[in-house]
Amino acid sequence: MVIKITSTPPGKSPEKVREMWVGVVISGVFRASLDTPPPLSLDEMLQRPLPTPYYGIATKELMEQLHEQKPELRAWYDQNQPELLVQNKRMFIEATCAEVIGEAPE
């Protein structure tokens, strides 16, 4: 699935960083809900309740996509949350902050 971030997502990152997400197109996401809780999410790392519904993606794949689209956003994560690339984690984005714009190529 391919989504586009349409509004500033909530979170503990500085607002200017969260605002940079608007317009980012992310492929390879999956739809999830609290009925299928993830093993670890950005929200769990930030110790706040998971939103439902949400879209998830492997952080390594997401960071590769950010490098191409918004290198300054990727650089912020490299400097402030480098563990996202080291460990096998997933990032979750509230569905209210994004719209589905297509299906990922197979």
C-alpha atoms as a PDB file:
ATOM      1  CA  MET A   1       0.000   0.000   0.000  1.00  0.00           C
ATOM      2  CA  VAL A   2       1.152   3.561  -0.680  1.00  0.00           C
ATOM      3  CA  ILE A   3       0.153   6.443   1.583  1.00  0.00           C
ATOM      4  CA  LYS A   4       0.766  10.172   1.605  1.00  0.00           C
ATOM      5  CA  ILE A   5       1.105  12.072   4.876  1.00  0.00           C
ATOM      6  CA  THR A   6      -1.532  14.821   4.749  1.00  0.00           C
ATOM      7  CA  SER A   7      -1.258  16.440   8.178  1.00  0.00           C
ATOM      8  CA  THR A   8       1.263  16.814  10.973  1.00  0.00           C
ATOM      9  CA  PRO A   9       1.385  13.551  12.915  1.00  0.00           C
ATOM     10  CA  PRO A  10       1.302  13.612  16.716  1.00  0.00           C
ATOM     11  CA  GLY A  11       4.359  12.583  18.674  1.00  0.00           C
ATOM     12  CA  LYS A  12       7.168  13.679  20.936  1.00  0.00           C
ATOM     13  CA  SER A  13       9.487  14.873  18.164  1.00  0.00           C
ATOM     14  CA  PRO A  14       9.737  18.657  17.854  1.00  0.00           C
ATOM     15  CA  GLU A  15       6.811  20.154  15.962  1.00  0.00           C
ATOM     16  CA  LYS A  16       9.054  21.407  13.148  1.00  0.00           C
ATOM     17  CA  VAL A  17      10.250  17.819  12.610  1.00  0.00           C
ATOM     18  CA  ARG A  18       6.709  16.412  12.654  1.00  0.00           C
ATOM     19  CA  GLU A  19       5.603  19.113  10.174  1.00  0.00           C
ATOM     20  CA  MET A  20       8.271  17.910   7.716  1.00  0.00           C
ATOM     21  CA  TRP A  21       6.333  14.648   7.355  1.00  0.00           C
ATOM     22  CA  VAL A  22       3.504  16.398   5.481  1.00  0.00           C
ATOM     23  CA  GLY A  23       3.717  15.460   1.802  1.00  0.00           C
ATOM     24  CA  VAL A  24       5.918  12.385   2.291  1.00  0.00           C
ATOM     25  CA  VAL A  25       4.773   9.419   0.176  1.00  0.00           C
ATOM     26  CA  ILE A  26       5.488   6.037   1.754  1.00  0.00           C
ATOM     27  CA  SER A  27       5.212   2.683  -0.004  1.00  0.00           C
ATOM     28  CA  GLY A  28       5.261  -0.760   1.550  1.00  0.00           C
ATOM     29  CA  VAL A  29       2.947   0.112   4.425  1.00  0.00           C
ATOM     30  CA  PHE A  30       0.404  -2.198   5.997  1.00  0.00           C
ATOM     31  CA  ARG A  31      -2.870  -1.387   7.698  1.00  0.00           C
ATOM     32  CA  ALA A  32      -3.199  -2.484  11.309  1.00  0.00           C
ATOM     33  CA  SER A  33      -5.425  -2.037  14.325  1.00  0.00           C
ATOM     34  CA  LEU A  34      -5.276  -2.756  18.014  1.00  0.00           C
ATOM     35  CA  ASP A  35      -6.731  -6.187  17.212  1.00  0.00           C
ATOM     36  CA  THR A  36      -3.306  -7.035  15.745  1.00  0.00           C
ATOM     37  CA  PRO A  37      -0.878  -5.225  18.050  1.00  0.00           C
ATOM     38  CA  PRO A  38       2.646  -4.751  16.711  1.00  0.00           C
ATOM     39  CA  PRO A  39       5.676  -6.123  18.540  1.00  0.00           C
ATOM     40  CA  LEU A  40       7.129  -2.638  18.910  1.00  0.00           C
ATOM     41  CA  SER A  41       6.128   0.736  17.579  1.00  0.00           C
ATOM     42  CA  LEU A  42       7.335   4.294  17.720  1.00  0.00           C
ATOM     43  CA  ASP A  43       4.381   5.036  19.974  1.00  0.00           C
ATOM     44  CA  GLU A  44       5.426   2.292  22.388  1.00  0.00           C
ATOM     45  CA  MET A  45       8.938   3.717  22.359  1.00  0.00           C
ATOM     46  CA  LEU A  46       7.451   7.076  23.282  1.00  0.00           C
ATOM     47  CA  GLN A  47       5.260   5.423  25.944  1.00  0.00           C
ATOM     48  CA  ARG A  48       1.886   6.624  24.783  1.00  0.00           C
ATOM     49  CA  PRO A  49      -1.202   4.692  23.689  1.00  0.00           C
ATOM     50  CA  LEU A  50      -1.294   3.338  20.168  1.00  0.00           C
ATOM     51  CA  PRO A  51      -3.756   5.061  17.889  1.00  0.00           C
ATOM     52  CA  THR A  52      -6.253   2.995  15.979  1.00  0.00           C
ATOM     53  CA  PRO A  53      -6.352   2.593  13.059  1.00  0.00           C
ATOM     54  CA  TYR A  54      -2.825   3.172  11.886  1.00  0.00           C
ATOM     55  CA  TYR A  55      -0.356   2.350   9.109  1.00  0.00           C
ATOM     56  CA  GLY A  56       2.928   0.611   9.805  1.00  0.00           C
ATOM     57  CA  ILE A  57       6.216   0.167   7.999  1.00  0.00           C
ATOM     58  CA  ALA A  58       9.633  -1.232   8.821  1.00  0.00           C
ATOM     59  CA  THR A  59      11.777   1.682   9.984  1.00  0.00           C
ATOM     60  CA  LYS A  60      14.764   0.715   7.832  1.00  0.00           C
ATOM     61  CA  GLU A  61      12.617   0.802   4.685  1.00  0.00           C
ATOM     62  CA  LEU A  62      11.004   4.052   5.801  1.00  0.00           C
ATOM     63  CA  MET A  63      14.354   5.720   6.447  1.00  0.00           C
ATOM     64  CA  GLU A  64      15.526   4.706   2.942  1.00  0.00           C
ATOM     65  CA  GLN A  65      12.441   6.380   1.465  1.00  0.00           C
ATOM     66  CA  LEU A  66      12.958   9.500   3.585  1.00  0.00           C
ATOM     67  CA  HIS A  67      16.549   9.742   2.333  1.00  0.00           C
ATOM     68  CA  GLU A  68      15.203  10.119  -1.214  1.00  0.00           C
ATOM     69  CA  GLN A  69      12.287  12.453  -0.442  1.00  0.00           C
ATOM     70  CA  LYS A  70      13.287  14.554   2.560  1.00  0.00           C
ATOM     71  CA  PRO A  71      16.974  14.139   3.392  1.00  0.00           C
ATOM     72  CA  GLU A  72      16.733  16.789   6.133  1.00  0.00           C
ATOM     73  CA  LEU A  73      14.068  14.713   7.911  1.00  0.00           C
ATOM     74  CA  ARG A  74      16.143  11.555   7.530  1.00  0.00           C
ATOM     75  CA  ALA A  75      19.162  13.446   8.909  1.00  0.00           C
ATOM     76  CA  TRP A  76      17.177  14.439  12.000  1.00  0.00           C
ATOM     77  CA  TYR A  77      16.343  10.785  12.710  1.00  0.00           C
ATOM     78  CA  ASP A  78      19.935   9.709  12.023  1.00  0.00           C
ATOM     79  CA  GLN A  79      21.137  12.203  14.615  1.00  0.00           C
ATOM     80  CA  ASN A  80      18.364  11.873  17.213  1.00  0.00           C
ATOM     81  CA  GLN A  81      17.085   8.282  16.877  1.00  0.00           C
ATOM     82  CA  PRO A  82      19.845   6.223  15.206  1.00  0.00           C
ATOM     83  CA  GLU A  83      18.475   3.063  16.828  1.00  0.00           C
ATOM     84  CA  LEU A  84      15.718   3.036  14.216  1.00  0.00           C
ATOM     85  CA  LEU A  85      18.234   1.740  11.669  1.00  0.00           C
ATOM     86  CA  VAL A  86      20.131  -0.589  13.973  1.00  0.00           C
ATOM     87  CA  GLN A  87      17.239  -2.629  15.304  1.00  0.00           C
ATOM     88  CA  ASN A  88      14.384  -4.348  13.512  1.00  0.00           C
ATOM     89  CA  LYS A  89      11.620  -1.894  14.404  1.00  0.00           C
ATOM     90  CA  ARG A  90       8.432  -0.627  12.874  1.00  0.00           C
ATOM     91  CA  MET A  91       7.053   2.868  12.832  1.00  0.00           C
ATOM     92  CA  PHE A  92       3.323   3.518  13.008  1.00  0.00           C
ATOM     93  CA  ILE A  93       1.451   6.524  11.666  1.00  0.00           C
ATOM     94  CA  GLU A  94      -2.084   7.429  12.659  1.00  0.00           C
ATOM     95  CA  ALA A  95      -4.439   6.839   9.750  1.00  0.00           C
ATOM     96  CA  THR A  96      -6.024  10.251  10.353  1.00  0.00           C
ATOM     97  CA  CYS A  97      -2.728  11.854   9.228  1.00  0.00           C
ATOM     98  CA  ALA A  98      -2.525  10.035   5.902  1.00  0.00           C
ATOM     99  CA  GLU A  99      -4.442   9.008   2.832  1.00  0.00           C
ATOM    100  CA  VAL A 100      -4.077   5.877   0.724  1.00  0.00           C
ATOM    101  CA  ILE A 101      -2.983   6.891  -2.764  1.00  0.00           C
ATOM    102  CA  GLY A 102      -2.285   3.488  -4.297  1.00  0.00           C
ATOM    103  CA  GLU A 103      -1.111  -0.042  -4.008  1.00  0.00           C
ATOM    104  CA  ALA A 104       2.569  -0.905  -3.896  1.00  0.00           C
ATOM    105  CA  PRO A 105       3.920  -2.594  -7.013  1.00  0.00           C
ATOM    106  CA  GLU A 106       4.357  -6.329  -6.583  1.00  0.00           C
END
